[in-house]
Structures are given as C-alpha cells and as structure tokens.
C-alpha atoms as a PDB file:
ATOM      1  CA  UNK A   1      -3.705  -2.174  18.519  1.00  0.00           C
ATOM      2  CA  UNK A   2      -0.352  -0.521  19.250  1.00  0.00           C
ATOM      3  CA  UNK A   3       0.355  -0.021  22.596  1.00  0.00           C
ATOM      4  CA  UNK A   4       3.276   0.952  25.247  1.00  0.00           C
ATOM      5  CA  UNK A   5       6.752   1.433  23.892  1.00  0.00           C
ATOM      6  CA  UNK A   6       5.962   0.766  20.276  1.00  0.00           C
ATOM      7  CA  UNK A   7       3.408   3.507  20.207  1.00  0.00           C
ATOM      8  CA  UNK A   8       5.742   5.775  21.854  1.00  0.00           C
ATOM      9  CA  UNK A   9       8.392   5.009  19.176  1.00  0.00           C
ATOM     10  CA  UNK A  10       6.006   5.564  16.484  1.00  0.00           C
ATOM     11  CA  UNK A  11       4.907   8.824  18.024  1.00  0.00           C
ATOM     12  CA  UNK A  12       8.360  10.019  18.125  1.00  0.00           C
ATOM     13  CA  UNK A  13       9.194   9.540  14.679  1.00  0.00           C
ATOM     14  CA  UNK A  14       5.886  11.542  13.977  1.00  0.00           C
ATOM     15  CA  UNK A  15       7.527  14.251  15.528  1.00  0.00           C
ATOM     16  CA  UNK A  16      10.546  13.939  13.929  1.00  0.00           C
ATOM     17  CA  UNK A  17       8.962  14.989  10.907  1.00  0.00           C
ATOM     18  CA  UNK A  18       6.952  17.885  12.499  1.00  0.00           C
ATOM     19  CA  UNK A  19      10.086  18.896  13.514  1.00  0.00           C
ATOM     20  CA  UNK A  20      11.726  18.528  10.508  1.00  0.00           C
ATOM     21  CA  UNK A  21       9.138  20.657   8.906  1.00  0.00           C
ATOM     22  CA  UNK A  22       6.982  18.195   7.234  1.00  0.00           C
ATOM     23  CA  UNK A  23       3.281  19.321   9.120  1.00  0.00           C
ATOM     24  CA  UNK A  24       0.734  18.259   7.128  1.00  0.00           C
ATOM     25  CA  UNK A  25      -0.492  14.654   8.771  1.00  0.00           C
ATOM     26  CA  UNK A  26      -1.122  13.593   5.175  1.00  0.00           C
ATOM     27  CA  UNK A  27       2.736  14.341   3.919  1.00  0.00           C
ATOM     28  CA  UNK A  28       3.760  12.818   6.843  1.00  0.00           C
ATOM     29  CA  UNK A  29       1.719   9.512   6.192  1.00  0.00           C
ATOM     30  CA  UNK A  30       2.790   9.510   2.387  1.00  0.00           C
ATOM     31  CA  UNK A  31       6.348   9.652   2.938  1.00  0.00           C
ATOM     32  CA  UNK A  32       6.592   7.266   5.772  1.00  0.00           C
ATOM     33  CA  UNK A  33       4.757   4.937   3.226  1.00  0.00           C
ATOM     34  CA  UNK A  34       7.447   5.372   0.478  1.00  0.00           C
ATOM     35  CA  UNK A  35      10.014   4.469   3.364  1.00  0.00           C
ATOM     36  CA  UNK A  36       7.919   1.702   4.804  1.00  0.00           C
ATOM     37  CA  UNK A  37       7.407   0.182   0.871  1.00  0.00           C
ATOM     38  CA  UNK A  38      10.932   0.743   0.390  1.00  0.00           C
ATOM     39  CA  UNK A  39      12.028  -1.355   3.589  1.00  0.00           C
ATOM     40  CA  UNK A  40       9.539  -4.066   2.956  1.00  0.00           C
ATOM     41  CA  UNK A  41      10.389  -4.679  -0.627  1.00  0.00           C
ATOM     42  CA  UNK A  42      12.970  -6.643   0.711  1.00  0.00           C
ATOM     43  CA  UNK A  43      11.036  -9.289   2.551  1.00  0.00           C
ATOM     44  CA  UNK A  44       8.513  -8.944  -0.374  1.00  0.00           C
ATOM     45  CA  UNK A  45      11.088 -10.386  -2.248  1.00  0.00           C
ATOM     46  CA  UNK A  46      12.444 -13.060   0.156  1.00  0.00           C
ATOM     47  CA  UNK A  47       8.783 -14.218   0.210  1.00  0.00           C
ATOM     48  CA  UNK A  48       7.881 -14.389  -3.694  1.00  0.00           C
ATOM     49  CA  UNK A  49      11.196 -16.193  -4.116  1.00  0.00           C
ATOM     50  CA  UNK A  50      10.492 -18.773  -1.483  1.00  0.00           C
ATOM     51  CA  UNK A  51       6.803 -19.098  -2.606  1.00  0.00           C
ATOM     52  CA  UNK A  52       8.094 -19.437  -6.274  1.00  0.00           C
ATOM     53  CA  UNK A  53      10.642 -22.279  -5.224  1.00  0.00           C
ATOM     54  CA  UNK A  54       7.887 -24.079  -3.368  1.00  0.00           C
ATOM     55  CA  UNK A  55       5.598 -24.041  -6.744  1.00  0.00           C
ATOM     56  CA  UNK A  56       8.434 -24.922  -8.949  1.00  0.00           C
ATOM     57  CA  UNK A  57       8.079 -21.294 -10.801  1.00  0.00           C
ATOM     58  CA  UNK A  58      10.901 -19.373 -12.383  1.00  0.00           C
ATOM     59  CA  UNK A  59      11.617 -15.890 -10.001  1.00  0.00           C
ATOM     60  CA  UNK A  60      13.642 -12.965 -11.320  1.00  0.00           C
ATOM     61  CA  UNK A  61      14.341 -10.443  -8.483  1.00  0.00           C
ATOM     62  CA  UNK A  62      13.531  -6.584  -8.486  1.00  0.00           C
ATOM     63  CA  UNK A  63      17.365  -6.268  -7.009  1.00  0.00           C
ATOM     64  CA  UNK A  64      18.893  -7.995 -10.269  1.00  0.00           C
ATOM     65  CA  UNK A  65      22.354  -8.208 -10.713  1.00  0.00           C
ATOM     66  CA  UNK A  66      22.313  -4.145 -12.537  1.00  0.00           C
ATOM     67  CA  UNK A  67      19.266  -1.886 -12.559  1.00  0.00           C
ATOM     68  CA  UNK A  68      19.096   1.176 -14.853  1.00  0.00           C
ATOM     69  CA  UNK A  69      17.776   4.052 -12.833  1.00  0.00           C
ATOM     70  CA  UNK A  70      17.593   7.226 -15.405  1.00  0.00           C
ATOM     71  CA  UNK A  71      20.622   7.181 -17.224  1.00  0.00           C
ATOM     72  CA  UNK A  72      23.022   4.904 -15.307  1.00  0.00           C
ATOM     73  CA  UNK A  73      23.306   1.204 -14.155  1.00  0.00           C
ATOM     74  CA  UNK A  74      23.944   0.620 -11.119  1.00  0.00           C
ATOM     75  CA  UNK A  75      24.194  -2.739  -8.580  1.00  0.00           C
ATOM     76  CA  UNK A  76      20.906  -4.057  -7.536  1.00  0.00           C
ATOM     77  CA  UNK A  77      21.595  -4.726  -4.207  1.00  0.00           C
ATOM     78  CA  UNK A  78      22.630  -0.712  -3.166  1.00  0.00           C
ATOM     79  CA  UNK A  79      18.795  -0.140  -3.663  1.00  0.00           C
ATOM     80  CA  UNK A  80      18.142  -2.502  -0.760  1.00  0.00           C
ATOM     81  CA  UNK A  81      17.098  -1.282   2.642  1.00  0.00           C
ATOM     82  CA  UNK A  82      19.311  -3.651   4.224  1.00  0.00           C
ATOM     83  CA  UNK A  83      22.259  -2.029   2.221  1.00  0.00           C
ATOM     84  CA  UNK A  84      21.868   1.487   2.508  1.00  0.00           C
ATOM     85  CA  UNK A  85      20.624   2.148   5.802  1.00  0.00           C
ATOM     86  CA  UNK A  86      24.136   1.219   6.982  1.00  0.00           C
ATOM     87  CA  UNK A  87      25.563   4.098   4.848  1.00  0.00           C
ATOM     88  CA  UNK A  88      27.023   7.685   6.254  1.00  0.00           C
ATOM     89  CA  UNK A  89      23.850   9.940   6.390  1.00  0.00           C
ATOM     90  CA  UNK A  90      25.038  12.341   3.559  1.00  0.00           C
ATOM     91  CA  UNK A  91      25.750   9.046   1.110  1.00  0.00           C
ATOM     92  CA  UNK A  92      22.498   7.620   2.312  1.00  0.00           C
ATOM     93  CA  UNK A  93      20.510  10.506   1.199  1.00  0.00           C
ATOM     94  CA  UNK A  94      21.755  10.843  -2.107  1.00  0.00           C
ATOM     95  CA  UNK A  95      21.349   7.574  -2.750  1.00  0.00           C
ATOM     96  CA  UNK A  96      18.157   7.405  -1.534  1.00  0.00           C
ATOM     97  CA  UNK A  97      17.209  10.356  -3.273  1.00  0.00           C
ATOM     98  CA  UNK A  98      19.346   9.903  -6.607  1.00  0.00           C
ATOM     99  CA  UNK A  99      18.310   6.330  -6.766  1.00  0.00           C
ATOM    100  CA  UNK A 100      16.161   4.384  -4.791  1.00  0.00           C
ATOM    101  CA  UNK A 101      13.468   7.230  -5.171  1.00  0.00           C
ATOM    102  CA  UNK A 102      13.678   7.233  -9.009  1.00  0.00           C
ATOM    103  CA  UNK A 103      14.082   3.316  -8.744  1.00  0.00           C
ATOM    104  CA  UNK A 104      10.320   2.618  -6.897  1.00  0.00           C
ATOM    105  CA  UNK A 105       8.643   5.291  -9.314  1.00  0.00           C
ATOM    106  CA  UNK A 106       9.340   3.359 -12.139  1.00  0.00           C
ATOM    107  CA  UNK A 107       9.049  -0.025 -10.628  1.00  0.00           C
ATOM    108  CA  UNK A 108       6.246  -1.382 -12.557  1.00  0.00           C
ATOM    109  CA  UNK A 109       6.497  -2.502 -15.692  1.00  0.00           C
ATOM    110  CA  UNK A 110       3.312  -1.624 -17.258  1.00  0.00           C
ATOM    111  CA  UNK A 111       3.268   2.051 -17.586  1.00  0.00           C
ATOM    112  CA  UNK A 112      -0.472   2.221 -17.786  1.00  0.00           C
ATOM    113  CA  UNK A 113      -0.768   0.551 -14.116  1.00  0.00           C
ATOM    114  CA  UNK A 114      -2.406   2.360 -10.871  1.00  0.00           C
ATOM    115  CA  UNK A 115       1.226   2.045  -9.444  1.00  0.00           C
ATOM    116  CA  UNK A 116       2.931   4.276 -12.274  1.00  0.00           C
ATOM    117  CA  UNK A 117       0.196   6.407 -12.615  1.00  0.00           C
ATOM    118  CA  UNK A 118      -0.110   7.494  -9.224  1.00  0.00           C
ATOM    119  CA  UNK A 119       3.377   7.430  -8.578  1.00  0.00           C
ATOM    120  CA  UNK A 120       4.474   9.887 -11.537  1.00  0.00           C
ATOM    121  CA  UNK A 121       3.878  12.975  -9.534  1.00  0.00           C
ATOM    122  CA  UNK A 122       5.241  11.640  -6.475  1.00  0.00           C
ATOM    123  CA  UNK A 123       7.991  14.032  -4.502  1.00  0.00           C
ATOM    124  CA  UNK A 124      10.433  12.849  -1.674  1.00  0.00           C
ATOM    125  CA  UNK A 125       9.970  15.786   0.425  1.00  0.00           C
ATOM    126  CA  UNK A 126      12.539  15.014   3.625  1.00  0.00           C
ATOM    127  CA  UNK A 127      14.489  17.923   3.362  1.00  0.00           C
ATOM    128  CA  UNK A 128      18.375  16.971   5.010  1.00  0.00           C
ATOM    129  CA  UNK A 129      20.664  13.862   5.376  1.00  0.00           C
ATOM    130  CA  UNK A 130      20.218  14.273   9.364  1.00  0.00           C
ATOM    131  CA  UNK A 131      16.565  14.031   9.412  1.00  0.00           C
ATOM    132  CA  UNK A 132      16.646  11.166   6.929  1.00  0.00           C
ATOM    133  CA  UNK A 133      19.453   8.994   9.260  1.00  0.00           C
ATOM    134  CA  UNK A 134      17.067   9.935  12.533  1.00  0.00           C
ATOM    135  CA  UNK A 135      13.811   8.482  10.185  1.00  0.00           C
ATOM    136  CA  UNK A 136      15.672   5.441   8.693  1.00  0.00           C
ATOM    137  CA  UNK A 137      17.053   4.742  12.669  1.00  0.00           C
ATOM    138  CA  UNK A 138      13.723   4.958  14.061  1.00  0.00           C
ATOM    139  CA  UNK A 139      11.904   2.763  11.907  1.00  0.00           C
ATOM    140  CA  UNK A 140      14.623   0.239  12.204  1.00  0.00           C
ATOM    141  CA  UNK A 141      13.902   0.198  15.884  1.00  0.00           C
ATOM    142  CA  UNK A 142      10.096   0.117  15.464  1.00  0.00           C
ATOM    143  CA  UNK A 143      10.662  -2.948  13.125  1.00  0.00           C
ATOM    144  CA  UNK A 144      12.880  -4.888  15.338  1.00  0.00           C
ATOM    145  CA  UNK A 145      10.290  -4.232  18.070  1.00  0.00           C
ATOM    146  CA  UNK A 146       7.909  -5.362  15.916  1.00  0.00           C
ATOM    147  CA  UNK A 147       9.440  -8.570  15.214  1.00  0.00           C
ATOM    148  CA  UNK A 148       9.793  -9.484  18.795  1.00  0.00           C
ATOM    149  CA  UNK A 149       6.155  -9.266  19.313  1.00  0.00           C
ATOM    150  CA  UNK A 150       5.622 -12.389  17.229  1.00  0.00           C
ATOM    151  CA  UNK A 151       2.336 -10.718  16.097  1.00  0.00           C
ATOM    152  CA  UNK A 152       1.670 -11.240  11.960  1.00  0.00           C
ATOM    153  CA  UNK A 153      -0.638  -8.068  12.015  1.00  0.00           C
ATOM    154  CA  UNK A 154       1.582  -6.086  13.803  1.00  0.00           C
ATOM    155  CA  UNK A 155       2.778  -3.994  10.657  1.00  0.00           C
ATOM    156  CA  UNK A 156      -0.878  -3.535   9.438  1.00  0.00           C
ATOM    157  CA  UNK A 157      -1.330  -2.278  12.906  1.00  0.00           C
ATOM    158  CA  UNK A 158       1.631   0.271  12.935  1.00  0.00           C
ATOM    159  CA  UNK A 159       0.483   1.570   9.288  1.00  0.00           C
ATOM    160  CA  UNK A 160      -3.644   2.037  10.860  1.00  0.00           C
ATOM    161  CA  UNK A 161      -1.983   3.840  13.962  1.00  0.00           C
ATOM    162  CA  UNK A 162      -0.389   6.189  11.301  1.00  0.00           C
ATOM    163  CA  UNK A 163      -3.661   6.349   9.180  1.00  0.00           C
ATOM    164  CA  UNK A 164      -5.480   7.230  12.108  1.00  0.00           C
ATOM    165  CA  UNK A 165      -3.424  10.493  12.790  1.00  0.00           C
ATOM    166  CA  UNK A 166      -4.949  11.629   9.337  1.00  0.00           C
ATOM    167  CA  UNK A 167      -8.375  10.843  11.029  1.00  0.00           C
ATOM    168  CA  UNK A 168      -7.894  12.606  13.969  1.00  0.00           C
ATOM    169  CA  UNK A 169      -6.525  15.515  12.116  1.00  0.00           C
ATOM    170  CA  UNK A 170      -9.426  15.548  10.030  1.00  0.00           C
ATOM    171  CA  UNK A 171      -7.116  16.185   6.813  1.00  0.00           C
ATOM    172  CA  UNK A 172      -9.562  16.027   3.787  1.00  0.00           C
ATOM    173  CA  UNK A 173     -11.989  14.158   5.694  1.00  0.00           C
ATOM    174  CA  UNK A 174     -10.908  10.920   5.315  1.00  0.00           C
ATOM    175  CA  UNK A 175     -12.702   8.225   7.192  1.00  0.00           C
ATOM    176  CA  UNK A 176     -10.711   5.296   8.504  1.00  0.00           C
ATOM    177  CA  UNK A 177     -11.872   1.704   9.111  1.00  0.00           C
ATOM    178  CA  UNK A 178     -10.592  -0.478  12.109  1.00  0.00           C
ATOM    179  CA  UNK A 179      -8.533  -3.314  10.717  1.00  0.00           C
ATOM    180  CA  UNK A 180     -10.396  -5.994  12.747  1.00  0.00           C
ATOM    181  CA  UNK A 181     -13.863  -4.694  11.166  1.00  0.00           C
ATOM    182  CA  UNK A 182     -12.704  -4.982   7.692  1.00  0.00           C
ATOM    183  CA  UNK A 183     -11.125  -8.389   8.552  1.00  0.00           C
ATOM    184  CA  UNK A 184     -14.550  -9.374   9.964  1.00  0.00           C
ATOM    185  CA  UNK A 185     -16.529  -7.780   7.052  1.00  0.00           C
ATOM    186  CA  UNK A 186     -13.953  -9.826   4.524  1.00  0.00           C
ATOM    187  CA  UNK A 187     -14.553 -13.068   6.459  1.00  0.00           C
ATOM    188  CA  UNK A 188     -18.521 -12.632   6.692  1.00  0.00           C
ATOM    189  CA  UNK A 189     -18.307 -11.944   2.525  1.00  0.00           C
ATOM    190  CA  UNK A 190     -16.020 -14.503   2.005  1.00  0.00           C
ATOM    191  CA  UNK A 191     -14.664 -13.792  -1.539  1.00  0.00           C
ATOM    192  CA  UNK A 192     -14.318 -16.472  -4.167  1.00  0.00           C
ATOM    193  CA  UNK A 193     -11.699 -16.755  -6.671  1.00  0.00           C
ATOM    194  CA  UNK A 194     -13.812 -15.929  -9.531  1.00  0.00           C
ATOM    195  CA  UNK A 195     -15.425 -12.351  -7.920  1.00  0.00           C
ATOM    196  CA  UNK A 196     -14.559  -8.870  -9.192  1.00  0.00           C
ATOM    197  CA  UNK A 197     -14.147  -6.954  -6.061  1.00  0.00           C
ATOM    198  CA  UNK A 198     -14.848  -2.771  -5.698  1.00  0.00           C
ATOM    199  CA  UNK A 199     -14.183  -0.475  -2.622  1.00  0.00           C
ATOM    200  CA  UNK A 200     -15.953   2.891  -4.371  1.00  0.00           C
ATOM    201  CA  UNK A 201     -14.040   5.117  -2.046  1.00  0.00           C
ATOM    202  CA  UNK A 202     -10.967   2.864  -1.733  1.00  0.00           C
ATOM    203  CA  UNK A 203      -8.701   5.048   0.386  1.00  0.00           C
ATOM    204  CA  UNK A 204      -5.842   3.314   1.111  1.00  0.00           C
ATOM    205  CA  UNK A 205      -6.729   0.316  -0.089  1.00  0.00           C
ATOM    206  CA  UNK A 206      -7.544  -1.727   3.383  1.00  0.00           C
ATOM    207  CA  UNK A 207     -10.693  -3.427   2.085  1.00  0.00           C
ATOM    208  CA  UNK A 208      -9.091  -4.752  -1.154  1.00  0.00           C
ATOM    209  CA  UNK A 209      -5.908  -5.817   0.457  1.00  0.00           C
ATOM    210  CA  UNK A 210      -7.729  -7.680   3.095  1.00  0.00           C
ATOM    211  CA  UNK A 211      -9.911  -9.517   0.654  1.00  0.00           C
ATOM    212  CA  UNK A 212      -6.586 -10.396  -1.035  1.00  0.00           C
ATOM    213  CA  UNK A 213      -5.040 -11.568   1.827  1.00  0.00           C
ATOM    214  CA  UNK A 214      -8.329 -13.885   2.863  1.00  0.00           C
ATOM    215  CA  UNK A 215      -7.920 -15.029  -1.056  1.00  0.00           C
ATOM    216  CA  UNK A 216      -4.179 -16.380  -0.202  1.00  0.00           C
ATOM    217  CA  UNK A 217      -5.094 -17.970   2.654  1.00  0.00           C
ATOM    218  CA  UNK A 218      -8.364 -19.661   1.682  1.00  0.00           C
ATOM    219  CA  UNK A 219      -8.206 -20.248  -2.077  1.00  0.00           C
ATOM    220  CA  UNK A 220      -4.600 -20.222  -2.350  1.00  0.00           C
ATOM    221  CA  UNK A 221      -4.074 -23.613  -4.535  1.00  0.00           C
ATOM    222  CA  UNK A 222      -7.331 -22.779  -6.398  1.00  0.00           C
ATOM    223  CA  UNK A 223      -6.121 -19.206  -7.459  1.00  0.00           C
ATOM    224  CA  UNK A 224      -2.133 -19.702  -7.506  1.00  0.00           C
ATOM    225  CA  UNK A 225      -2.049 -23.023  -9.016  1.00  0.00           C
ATOM    226  CA  UNK A 226      -4.166 -21.907 -12.364  1.00  0.00           C
ATOM    227  CA  UNK A 227      -2.719 -19.715 -14.824  1.00  0.00           C
ATOM    228  CA  UNK A 228      -6.233 -17.738 -15.505  1.00  0.00           C
ATOM    229  CA  UNK A 229      -7.454 -17.500 -12.413  1.00  0.00           C
ATOM    230  CA  UNK A 230      -3.828 -16.262 -10.991  1.00  0.00           C
ATOM    231  CA  UNK A 231      -3.843 -13.845 -13.918  1.00  0.00           C
ATOM    232  CA  UNK A 232      -7.889 -12.331 -12.842  1.00  0.00           C
ATOM    233  CA  UNK A 233      -6.484 -12.335  -9.087  1.00  0.00           C
ATOM    234  CA  UNK A 234      -3.400  -9.826 -10.579  1.00  0.00           C
ATOM    235  CA  UNK A 235      -4.840  -7.718 -13.048  1.00  0.00           C
ATOM    236  CA  UNK A 236      -8.777  -8.104 -13.036  1.00  0.00           C
ATOM    237  CA  UNK A 237     -10.263  -8.570  -9.556  1.00  0.00           C
ATOM    238  CA  UNK A 238      -9.532  -5.550  -7.245  1.00  0.00           C
ATOM    239  CA  UNK A 239     -11.181  -2.301  -8.640  1.00  0.00           C
ATOM    240  CA  UNK A 240     -10.826   0.865  -5.858  1.00  0.00           C
ATOM    241  CA  UNK A 241     -11.740   4.392  -6.543  1.00  0.00           C
ATOM    242  CA  UNK A 242     -11.417   7.688  -4.539  1.00  0.00           C
ATOM    243  CA  UNK A 243     -10.709  11.403  -5.219  1.00  0.00           C
ATOM    244  CA  UNK A 244      -7.515  11.824  -3.485  1.00  0.00           C
ATOM    245  CA  UNK A 245      -4.621  11.270  -5.410  1.00  0.00           C
ATOM    246  CA  UNK A 246      -2.305  11.000  -2.219  1.00  0.00           C
ATOM    247  CA  UNK A 247      -4.907   8.308  -1.280  1.00  0.00           C
ATOM    248  CA  UNK A 248      -4.843   6.433  -4.496  1.00  0.00           C
ATOM    249  CA  UNK A 249      -0.753   6.399  -4.561  1.00  0.00           C
ATOM    250  CA  UNK A 250      -0.658   5.018  -1.071  1.00  0.00           C
ATOM    251  CA  UNK A 251      -3.589   2.694  -1.759  1.00  0.00           C
ATOM    252  CA  UNK A 252      -1.453   1.093  -5.179  1.00  0.00           C
ATOM    253  CA  UNK A 253       1.878   0.948  -3.337  1.00  0.00           C
ATOM    254  CA  UNK A 254      -0.222  -0.991   0.024  1.00  0.00           C
ATOM    255  CA  UNK A 255      -1.892  -3.475  -2.406  1.00  0.00           C
ATOM    256  CA  UNK A 256       1.604  -4.137  -4.734  1.00  0.00           C
ATOM    257  CA  UNK A 257       3.612  -4.476  -1.280  1.00  0.00           C
ATOM    258  CA  UNK A 258       0.684  -7.390  -0.601  1.00  0.00           C
ATOM    259  CA  UNK A 259       1.382  -8.965  -3.883  1.00  0.00           C
ATOM    260  CA  UNK A 260      -1.466  -7.656  -6.231  1.00  0.00           C
ATOM    261  CA  UNK A 261       0.358  -6.501  -8.893  1.00  0.00           C
ATOM    262  CA  UNK A 262      -2.074  -4.682 -11.027  1.00  0.00           C
ATOM    263  CA  UNK A 263      -5.141  -3.373  -9.401  1.00  0.00           C
ATOM    264  CA  UNK A 264      -7.391  -1.008 -11.018  1.00  0.00           C
ATOM    265  CA  UNK A 265      -7.383   2.189  -8.823  1.00  0.00           C
ATOM    266  CA  UNK A 266      -8.885   5.479 -10.165  1.00  0.00           C
ATOM    267  CA  UNK A 267      -9.575   8.806  -9.392  1.00  0.00           C
ATOM    268  CA  UNK A 268     -13.432   9.073  -9.603  1.00  0.00           C
ATOM    269  CA  UNK A 269     -16.432  10.118  -7.459  1.00  0.00           C
ATOM    270  CA  UNK A 270     -18.357   6.645  -7.304  1.00  0.00           C
ATOM    271  CA  UNK A 271     -21.338   8.901  -6.168  1.00  0.00           C
ATOM    272  CA  UNK A 272     -21.465  11.179  -9.365  1.00  0.00           C
ATOM    273  CA  UNK A 273     -24.507  11.019 -11.731  1.00  0.00           C
ATOM    274  CA  UNK A 274     -21.636  10.599 -14.445  1.00  0.00           C
ATOM    275  CA  UNK A 275     -20.979   7.056 -12.733  1.00  0.00           C
ATOM    276  CA  UNK A 276     -22.162   4.714 -15.450  1.00  0.00           C
ATOM    277  CA  UNK A 277     -20.811   1.654 -13.434  1.00  0.00           C
ATOM    278  CA  UNK A 278     -23.995  -0.813 -13.480  1.00  0.00           C
ATOM    279  CA  UNK A 279     -23.955  -4.524 -12.586  1.00  0.00           C
ATOM    280  CA  UNK A 280     -20.160  -4.805 -13.164  1.00  0.00           C
ATOM    281  CA  UNK A 281     -18.967  -6.344  -9.747  1.00  0.00           C
ATOM    282  CA  UNK A 282     -19.963  -9.051  -7.803  1.00  0.00           C
ATOM    283  CA  UNK A 283     -18.760  -7.853  -4.535  1.00  0.00           C
ATOM    284  CA  UNK A 284     -18.619  -4.561  -2.700  1.00  0.00           C
ATOM    285  CA  UNK A 285     -16.694  -3.556   0.318  1.00  0.00           C
ATOM    286  CA  UNK A 286     -16.616   0.055   1.152  1.00  0.00           C
ATOM    287  CA  UNK A 287     -16.790   2.052   4.597  1.00  0.00           C
ATOM    288  CA  UNK A 288     -20.311   2.726   5.643  1.00  0.00           C
ATOM    289  CA  UNK A 289     -19.608   6.498   5.456  1.00  0.00           C
ATOM    290  CA  UNK A 290     -19.464   6.593   1.868  1.00  0.00           C
ATOM    291  CA  UNK A 291     -23.387   5.968   1.795  1.00  0.00           C
ATOM    292  CA  UNK A 292     -24.222   7.746   4.726  1.00  0.00           C
ATOM    293  CA  UNK A 293     -26.291  10.931   3.907  1.00  0.00           C
ATOM    294  CA  UNK A 294     -26.974   9.968   0.273  1.00  0.00           C
ATOM    295  CA  UNK A 295     -30.477  11.038  -1.300  1.00  0.00           C
ATOM    296  CA  UNK A 296     -32.818   7.935  -2.410  1.00  0.00           C
ATOM    297  CA  UNK A 297     -32.186   8.200  -5.717  1.00  0.00           C
ATOM    298  CA  UNK A 298     -28.182   8.275  -5.508  1.00  0.00           C
ATOM    299  CA  UNK A 299     -28.808   5.172  -2.959  1.00  0.00           C
ATOM    300  CA  UNK A 300     -30.235   3.527  -5.515  1.00  0.00           C
ATOM    301  CA  UNK A 301     -27.726   4.178  -8.161  1.00  0.00           C
ATOM    302  CA  UNK A 302     -25.053   2.890  -5.513  1.00  0.00           C
ATOM    303  CA  UNK A 303     -27.018  -0.406  -5.151  1.00  0.00           C
ATOM    304  CA  UNK A 304     -27.031  -0.564  -8.651  1.00  0.00           C
ATOM    305  CA  UNK A 305     -23.215  -0.536  -8.769  1.00  0.00           C
ATOM    306  CA  UNK A 306     -22.854  -4.300  -7.894  1.00  0.00           C
ATOM    307  CA  UNK A 307     -24.531  -7.053  -9.582  1.00  0.00           C
END
C-alpha cells in the first residue's frame, strides 16, 4: 500500500500531467505505463542476463551494439533510460520521441503478437520537452524512494495506486482488484505448469501477471528447465480478453515486462453470445464484477467457459 511521501510524489507527478494538458486519467496511466515500461526494460534485461547465465543459456540483449529504428541504425545503449535521462530536456525529448518510442512499438519480433498488435496505434502524447523533463525527474525520485523501502512489491503498489485513480474517476467503468486479493486468489488456485489460464475481462493483466509470478516462484525448475513447458508458459498459457484497447495495450506491456513474451490478449466481449469458447481453459481468474448481474443463461455460458 502506497502511503506518506511516496504517495505525495506520485500525486505531484499526476498533477504534472494534468497541468500539462493531459487530463484524461486513462491517458495519464497509459503515458505513465509507457515510461515505466521503458524504465523497467533496463532492469528486466539485467535480470534476464543473470538468469540466462545461471541456467547456462545464451542471451542477446535488446540493447544490442546497434539497433535499427526506422531507417536509422543507432547505438543500442542510447535507448536506455539510464543513459537518456541525463540528457538536456530538448535532446531527451527528441531521443524519446524519435528513437525510444518507435523502438518499443516495434520491440516484439512476432508481428502477430498481442504486444505488436496493440502497440501499433500507441501515441506518445507528452507535449513539451520541459514537461517530459519534469516527469522523468519525478519518476527517478519515485524509483529511488521505492528502492529504499526494500519492498519487492512496491513497484506493483505504485502501479496499483495509479490504476486506482482510473477507478476513482469512473473512466469507462473500469474495475480494479486490489493486488493482495489477486495474490490470495492465485495462491488458493495454485496454478500448474500445464494450465491454460484465462481472465475474460483482463484489464491491465493483473491476474495473469500474478499467475505467472506464482509459477516462477513455485514451479521454476519444472517450467524453465523443460523446453516444451517453457514454450507453453511463454506462448500458450495466458489468455486475456477486454473491450478497451488502451487496457489491452497496458496489459500486453505489463505482461512483457514480467517476462511473459507472447500472451494471447484479444479484444472481445467474453459474455457475448458470439463467444464460442467451451472447455478451453483449465483455470479462470477474474474480478467478481465480470459475472455480477448476469442472466442465468449467461451465467451458465460463463461456467462452460472453463473445463
């Protein structure tokens, strides 16, 4: 739970967006998600390199010696947050707008992946170098303070607090399940390495991410030392549906940041009569709001959604 000075820093960051002209809460969270994703790519790459070394597996960094962005080839390290955040405001803005943002839009090699699909129409909306400089400085301060708390969940708590502002504002009827409830539900269901997991109204992918983290903690050797099970984990295990493309975009980034390369994230009304999924999934994880108020017929259809 975010409290005290850290909460105040996040509130001031939110205010920077609003005073800069980005007033739709969903837009604020989306832009923040892009920047958190860019920031966390450094840490994620470092962690993957360590894990690959421990497992004796080859690893090629996404920040290779040279990276092609559009028609240009540039040094990969110039795309790192730890490098560009020290640049003057104008240079940082052009680097992010012209290099880094196109780079993350085209990051996933599989052009049919959820990430590629929903990042295709992503828009960088921060209007000025000065505003970007204020946001990046504020984010650096937030991450420094978060590290000082020595709490493994603090980054997730920050993200949850941002998402709570969507729920508070009532934007698009979004529902938010607190992370401790999500963790409790996942722990109770105890996902297995061969499960096919679905959240029929996935939003930002909280249930799917938590299931992935549970499997990393409790089934690590079983999954990651077995080529077939690892492929299942990365490409076939996680399914999420939603009717908001912004949520799908955030969800795809959230899962990729957590090491799930190719989840099946799709635009769909799971409760529609056109949904033909039957006995396709072994585990359903969902916010209770998904099934509140259903007619008996639709409730039965929902039960048939899983095996």
